[in-house]
N, C-alpha and C. Protein backbone atom coordinates (compact mmCIF):
# COMPACT_ATOMS: atom_id res chain seq x y z
N MET A 1 91.97 51.85 125.81
CA MET A 1 90.98 51.12 124.86
C MET A 1 90.37 49.55 125.64
N ILE A 2 90.81 49.47 126.75
CA ILE A 2 90.24 48.06 127.44
C ILE A 2 89.52 48.33 128.05
N GLU A 3 88.77 49.81 127.92
CA GLU A 3 87.36 49.97 128.71
C GLU A 3 86.12 49.64 127.51
N LYS A 4 87.00 50.04 126.51
CA LYS A 4 85.60 49.59 125.00
C LYS A 4 85.83 48.09 124.83
N LEU A 5 86.92 47.38 125.12
CA LEU A 5 86.99 45.80 125.03
C LEU A 5 85.91 44.97 125.72
N PHE A 6 85.97 45.92 127.00
CA PHE A 6 85.12 44.99 127.98
C PHE A 6 84.08 45.99 128.98
N GLY A 7 83.60 46.80 128.46
CA GLY A 7 82.64 47.07 128.54
C GLY A 7 82.83 47.93 129.74
N ASN A 8 83.55 48.11 130.52
CA ASN A 8 84.26 49.17 131.56
C ASN A 8 85.74 49.53 132.06
N GLU A 9 86.19 50.31 132.73
CA GLU A 9 87.83 50.30 132.98
C GLU A 9 87.88 48.88 133.78
N THR A 10 86.90 48.99 135.15
CA THR A 10 87.10 47.87 135.60
C THR A 10 86.62 47.01 135.46
N ALA A 11 86.30 46.30 134.67
CA ALA A 11 86.59 44.90 133.91
C ALA A 11 88.02 44.42 133.76
N GLY A 12 88.38 44.81 132.52
CA GLY A 12 89.56 45.51 132.28
C GLY A 12 90.67 45.51 132.46
N LEU A 13 90.91 46.14 133.78
CA LEU A 13 91.60 46.07 134.44
C LEU A 13 91.79 44.99 135.95
N ILE A 14 90.80 44.56 135.82
CA ILE A 14 90.60 43.45 137.19
C ILE A 14 91.18 42.10 135.71
N LEU A 15 91.11 42.00 134.76
CA LEU A 15 91.35 40.88 133.43
C LEU A 15 92.69 41.15 133.66
N LEU A 16 93.33 42.40 133.48
CA LEU A 16 94.72 42.80 133.35
C LEU A 16 95.35 42.51 134.54
N ASN A 17 95.02 42.78 136.51
CA ASN A 17 95.57 42.14 137.36
C ASN A 17 96.00 40.84 137.32
N ILE A 18 94.64 40.10 137.35
CA ILE A 18 94.51 38.42 137.43
C ILE A 18 95.63 37.76 136.05
N PHE A 19 95.33 38.62 134.66
CA PHE A 19 96.72 37.84 133.94
C PHE A 19 98.13 37.97 134.41
N HIS A 20 98.57 39.35 135.51
CA HIS A 20 99.57 39.34 135.68
C HIS A 20 100.28 38.78 136.90
N TYR A 21 99.22 38.35 137.96
CA TYR A 21 99.23 38.14 138.87
C TYR A 21 98.75 36.01 139.07
N GLU A 22 97.98 35.94 138.29
CA GLU A 22 97.72 34.70 138.07
C GLU A 22 96.25 34.43 139.03
N LYS A 23 96.90 34.51 140.23
CA LYS A 23 96.13 33.86 141.13
C LYS A 23 95.93 35.56 141.77
N ILE A 24 94.49 36.33 142.85
CA ILE A 24 94.70 37.20 143.21
C ILE A 24 93.25 37.47 144.18
N HIS A 25 93.60 38.60 145.01
CA HIS A 25 92.38 38.78 146.04
C HIS A 25 92.03 39.84 145.25
N ALA A 26 90.77 40.53 145.72
CA ALA A 26 90.01 41.69 145.47
C ALA A 26 90.34 43.03 146.21
N SER A 27 90.81 42.53 147.12
CA SER A 27 90.97 44.10 147.51
C SER A 27 92.80 44.41 147.07
N ALA A 28 93.57 43.23 146.98
CA ALA A 28 94.78 43.77 146.37
C ALA A 28 94.06 44.41 144.95
N ILE A 29 93.38 43.70 143.91
CA ILE A 29 93.01 44.70 142.84
C ILE A 29 92.64 46.11 143.02
N SER A 30 91.83 45.86 143.87
CA SER A 30 91.26 47.52 144.59
C SER A 30 92.08 48.20 143.80
N ALA A 31 93.10 47.68 145.27
CA ALA A 31 94.41 48.74 145.69
C ALA A 31 95.60 49.00 144.06
N ASN A 32 95.57 48.03 143.70
CA ASN A 32 96.34 48.38 142.51
C ASN A 32 95.85 49.28 141.58
N ILE A 33 94.57 49.38 141.14
CA ILE A 33 93.49 50.15 140.35
C ILE A 33 93.15 51.03 140.82
N SER A 34 92.64 51.09 142.50
CA SER A 34 92.60 52.50 143.27
C SER A 34 91.48 52.58 142.48
N LYS A 35 90.53 51.82 143.01
CA LYS A 35 89.37 51.96 142.33
C LYS A 35 88.36 51.22 144.27
N ALA A 36 87.42 51.27 144.02
CA ALA A 36 87.20 51.03 145.53
C ALA A 36 86.55 49.66 145.53
N LEU A 37 86.46 48.72 146.99
CA LEU A 37 86.42 47.29 146.90
C LEU A 37 85.21 46.60 146.30
N ARG A 38 83.54 47.42 146.35
CA ARG A 38 82.49 47.41 146.32
C ARG A 38 82.80 46.93 144.75
N PRO A 39 82.79 47.70 144.23
CA PRO A 39 82.65 47.86 142.31
C PRO A 39 83.82 46.35 141.78
N VAL A 40 85.22 46.76 142.60
CA VAL A 40 85.89 45.23 142.03
C VAL A 40 85.11 44.01 142.40
N LEU A 41 84.19 43.82 143.51
CA LEU A 41 83.64 42.97 143.91
C LEU A 41 82.48 42.65 143.26
N ASN A 42 82.25 43.36 142.69
CA ASN A 42 80.75 43.33 141.88
C ASN A 42 81.56 43.10 140.18
N GLN A 43 82.16 43.28 139.79
CA GLN A 43 82.62 43.16 138.44
C GLN A 43 83.29 41.35 138.60
N LEU A 44 84.00 41.48 139.55
CA LEU A 44 84.28 40.08 139.72
C LEU A 44 83.17 38.93 139.59
N GLN A 45 82.15 39.19 140.49
CA GLN A 45 81.26 38.18 140.31
C GLN A 45 80.49 38.08 139.01
N LYS A 46 80.43 39.31 138.23
CA LYS A 46 80.02 39.22 136.77
C LYS A 46 81.08 38.36 136.39
N LEU A 47 81.91 38.60 136.03
CA LEU A 47 83.02 37.51 135.74
C LEU A 47 83.22 36.07 135.93
N GLU A 48 82.65 36.12 137.30
CA GLU A 48 82.43 34.85 137.51
C GLU A 48 81.47 33.98 136.82
N ASP A 49 80.39 34.83 137.29
CA ASP A 49 79.45 34.47 136.61
C ASP A 49 78.78 33.71 135.17
N ILE A 50 79.54 34.41 134.47
CA ILE A 50 79.86 34.07 133.33
C ILE A 50 80.45 32.92 132.85
N GLY A 51 81.27 32.89 133.86
CA GLY A 51 82.89 31.80 133.55
C GLY A 51 83.59 32.27 133.32
N LEU A 52 84.23 33.10 133.09
CA LEU A 52 85.70 33.40 132.91
C LEU A 52 86.06 33.57 134.31
N LEU A 53 86.27 33.59 135.22
CA LEU A 53 87.21 33.28 136.26
C LEU A 53 85.97 32.36 137.31
N VAL A 54 86.59 31.79 138.19
CA VAL A 54 86.36 31.68 139.03
C VAL A 54 87.48 31.58 140.24
N SER A 55 87.03 31.61 141.71
CA SER A 55 87.25 31.35 142.78
C SER A 55 87.61 30.29 143.26
N GLN A 56 88.56 30.35 144.24
CA GLN A 56 88.89 29.36 145.55
C GLN A 56 89.38 30.26 147.12
N GLU A 57 88.29 29.48 147.69
CA GLU A 57 89.06 29.95 149.18
C GLU A 57 90.27 29.34 149.67
N ILE A 58 91.34 30.14 150.48
CA ILE A 58 92.01 29.77 150.59
C ILE A 58 92.20 30.43 152.02
N GLY A 59 91.88 29.65 152.82
CA GLY A 59 91.57 30.40 154.66
C GLY A 59 90.73 31.37 154.73
N ARG A 60 90.88 32.59 154.70
CA ARG A 60 89.63 33.78 154.88
C ARG A 60 89.82 34.56 153.36
N THR A 61 90.83 34.43 153.11
CA THR A 61 90.91 34.68 151.57
C THR A 61 90.29 34.12 150.14
N ARG A 62 89.72 35.07 149.49
CA ARG A 62 88.99 34.20 148.30
C ARG A 62 89.88 35.00 146.92
N LEU A 63 90.47 33.85 146.14
CA LEU A 63 91.48 34.16 145.12
C LEU A 63 90.37 33.78 143.98
N TYR A 64 90.91 34.64 142.76
CA TYR A 64 90.12 34.74 141.46
C TYR A 64 91.37 34.07 140.44
N PHE A 65 91.22 33.92 139.19
CA PHE A 65 92.36 33.31 138.04
C PHE A 65 90.98 32.85 137.33
N PHE A 66 91.45 32.95 136.33
CA PHE A 66 91.01 32.65 134.95
C PHE A 66 90.28 31.04 135.07
N ASN A 67 89.05 30.52 134.52
CA ASN A 67 88.98 29.50 134.68
C ASN A 67 89.45 28.87 133.30
N PRO A 68 90.08 27.30 133.43
CA PRO A 68 90.43 26.79 132.31
C PRO A 68 90.11 26.18 131.62
N LYS A 69 88.61 25.88 132.09
CA LYS A 69 87.88 25.17 131.39
C LYS A 69 86.90 26.22 130.44
N SER A 70 86.75 27.42 130.42
CA SER A 70 86.09 27.97 129.76
C SER A 70 86.58 28.35 128.17
N PRO A 71 85.98 28.04 127.14
CA PRO A 71 86.11 28.39 126.43
C PRO A 71 86.90 30.18 125.43
N TYR A 72 86.52 30.31 126.54
CA TYR A 72 86.56 32.08 126.01
C TYR A 72 87.98 32.58 127.01
N THR A 73 89.36 31.73 127.81
CA THR A 73 89.75 31.82 128.61
C THR A 73 90.79 32.47 127.91
N LYS A 74 91.06 31.29 126.48
CA LYS A 74 92.42 31.82 125.85
C LYS A 74 92.72 32.52 124.90
N PRO A 75 91.49 33.29 124.26
CA PRO A 75 91.68 34.27 123.84
C PRO A 75 91.58 35.52 124.68
N VAL A 76 90.60 35.78 126.09
CA VAL A 76 90.73 36.82 127.23
C VAL A 76 92.48 37.03 127.05
N LYS A 77 92.68 35.79 127.70
CA LYS A 77 94.35 36.18 127.83
C LYS A 77 94.94 36.50 126.39
N GLU A 78 95.32 35.87 125.01
CA GLU A 78 95.72 36.93 124.00
C GLU A 78 96.10 37.97 123.93
N ILE A 79 94.09 38.64 124.67
CA ILE A 79 93.52 40.41 124.54
C ILE A 79 94.75 40.81 125.70
N MET A 80 94.58 40.25 126.36
CA MET A 80 95.33 40.62 127.84
C MET A 80 97.44 41.06 127.62
N GLN A 81 97.87 39.70 126.86
CA GLN A 81 98.78 39.57 126.86
C GLN A 81 99.43 40.75 126.00
N ILE A 82 98.51 41.14 124.65
CA ILE A 82 98.84 42.49 123.96
C ILE A 82 98.75 43.69 124.68
N THR A 83 97.70 43.78 125.61
CA THR A 83 97.38 44.91 126.24
C THR A 83 98.60 44.97 127.08
N TYR A 84 99.11 44.08 127.90
CA TYR A 84 99.94 43.85 128.45
C TYR A 84 101.74 44.37 128.36
N GLU A 85 101.36 43.96 126.96
CA GLU A 85 102.88 44.29 126.15
C GLU A 85 102.79 45.32 126.04
N ALA A 86 102.25 46.01 125.51
CA ALA A 86 101.92 47.43 124.53
C ALA A 86 101.95 48.49 126.02
N MET A 87 102.02 48.06 127.26
CA MET A 87 101.91 48.90 128.12
C MET A 87 103.01 49.68 128.61
N PRO A 88 103.22 50.61 128.89
CA PRO A 88 104.64 51.53 129.21
C PRO A 88 105.25 50.76 130.29
N ILE A 89 106.77 50.55 130.84
CA ILE A 89 106.77 49.97 131.50
C ILE A 89 107.26 50.53 132.86
N LEU A 90 106.58 52.10 132.90
CA LEU A 90 106.17 52.29 134.18
C LEU A 90 105.24 52.39 134.46
N LEU A 91 104.21 52.21 133.96
CA LEU A 91 102.92 52.30 134.19
C LEU A 91 102.37 50.63 134.71
N LYS A 92 103.74 49.55 134.20
CA LYS A 92 103.52 48.11 134.73
C LYS A 92 103.98 48.49 136.13
N GLU A 93 105.10 49.08 136.81
CA GLU A 93 105.60 49.41 137.78
C GLU A 93 104.23 50.20 138.79
N LYS A 94 103.89 50.79 138.33
CA LYS A 94 103.03 51.36 139.24
C LYS A 94 101.88 50.26 139.58
N MET A 95 101.00 49.90 138.54
CA MET A 95 100.28 49.19 138.85
C MET A 95 100.32 47.76 139.48
N PHE A 96 101.57 47.52 138.85
CA PHE A 96 101.92 45.97 139.38
C PHE A 96 102.90 46.13 140.34
N HIS A 97 103.31 46.45 141.17
CA HIS A 97 104.13 46.64 142.27
C HIS A 97 104.05 45.91 143.75
N ARG A 98 102.61 45.34 144.08
CA ARG A 98 102.89 44.54 145.21
C ARG A 98 103.24 43.11 145.56
N ARG A 99 103.90 42.42 145.80
CA ARG A 99 103.59 40.96 145.88
C ARG A 99 103.81 40.45 146.35
N GLY A 100 103.27 38.90 146.48
CA GLY A 100 102.56 38.25 147.04
C GLY A 100 103.42 37.53 148.09
N ARG A 101 104.30 37.27 147.63
CA ARG A 101 105.67 36.33 148.23
C ARG A 101 107.10 37.18 148.20
N PRO A 102 107.88 36.84 148.62
CA PRO A 102 109.42 37.56 148.40
C PRO A 102 109.90 37.05 147.00
N ARG A 103 110.71 37.87 146.61
CA ARG A 103 111.07 37.60 145.23
C ARG A 103 112.34 37.51 145.21
N ALA A 104 112.64 35.97 144.96
CA ALA A 104 113.81 35.42 144.29
C ALA A 104 115.30 36.26 144.20
N LYS A 105 116.39 36.34 144.60
CA LYS A 105 117.58 36.94 144.26
C LYS A 105 117.91 37.47 142.52
N ASN A 106 118.01 38.33 142.30
CA ASN A 106 117.91 38.79 140.82
C ASN A 106 116.88 38.45 140.13
N LYS A 107 115.94 38.30 140.82
CA LYS A 107 115.04 38.64 139.67
C LYS A 107 113.93 39.74 139.58
N VAL A 108 113.98 40.23 137.57
CA VAL A 108 112.83 41.14 137.70
C VAL A 108 111.73 41.31 138.11
N VAL A 109 111.67 42.33 138.16
CA VAL A 109 110.20 42.76 138.54
C VAL A 109 108.90 42.58 137.96
N ILE A 110 109.20 42.87 136.72
CA ILE A 110 108.20 43.02 135.56
C ILE A 110 108.76 41.63 134.52
N ARG A 111 107.54 40.80 134.52
CA ARG A 111 107.50 39.57 133.43
C ARG A 111 107.86 40.49 131.95
N LYS A 112 108.91 40.01 131.03
CA LYS A 112 109.65 40.38 129.79
C LYS A 112 107.87 39.94 128.73
N LYS A 113 108.01 38.82 128.89
CA LYS A 113 106.42 38.28 128.24
C LYS A 113 105.82 37.16 128.95
N ALA A 114 104.66 37.64 129.22
CA ALA A 114 103.61 36.79 129.47
C ALA A 114 103.45 35.37 129.27
N ARG A 115 102.99 34.57 129.75
CA ARG A 115 102.32 33.07 129.38
C ARG A 115 100.82 33.29 129.04
N VAL A 116 100.46 32.49 128.05
CA VAL A 116 99.15 32.50 127.73
C VAL A 116 98.74 30.98 128.07
């Protein structure tokens, strides 16, 4: 259903990854959704051009995240939350297995309720 909402599957999966991780780089998204890097970069550029996403360069890495100033961010995040909560736990574990930093002791792998 996500591909019908956002025009294509790649855009929806990118937004879902950004919703889950809050800030993420293109190659991590590419690996998580099993798509080539070029289509992911193209879609990120489109989402950034319309103002839904912004990016920040940290060293040699460009991180993408939702634009807090965009009027579309809150409704899109609400859609992402509904989609995220409807996903089976096995799919979440498969898609969101990468960690940006070590997990604290006894911390769960998947967020039970995402923030909007």
